[in-house]
């Protein structure tokens, strides 16, 4: 699988950007959500090519996110779309 708009991530939780819990977390982190296409990934980790090849890439939700710049992209990633590995 490839991700043309950002990095492949494995997220333990996916939320709609309009979810009050997302707005609350974003506010605590000083993140202005603005208009977001896709979902928000929470508690995410990178997916490597090696883990994809071995079949151990992601036990939760594999996603492609456009903005992973917050908290090193691990706590919250924006503009996420689910992908099949």
Foldseek 3Di string as FASTA:
>chain_A
DDAPQAFKKAAQDKDACPPPVNVVVCVVQVHDQPDFAAIKGAQIDGFDPVCVVVVNRYPHFIWHANALPGPNNRGMTTNIDTDDD
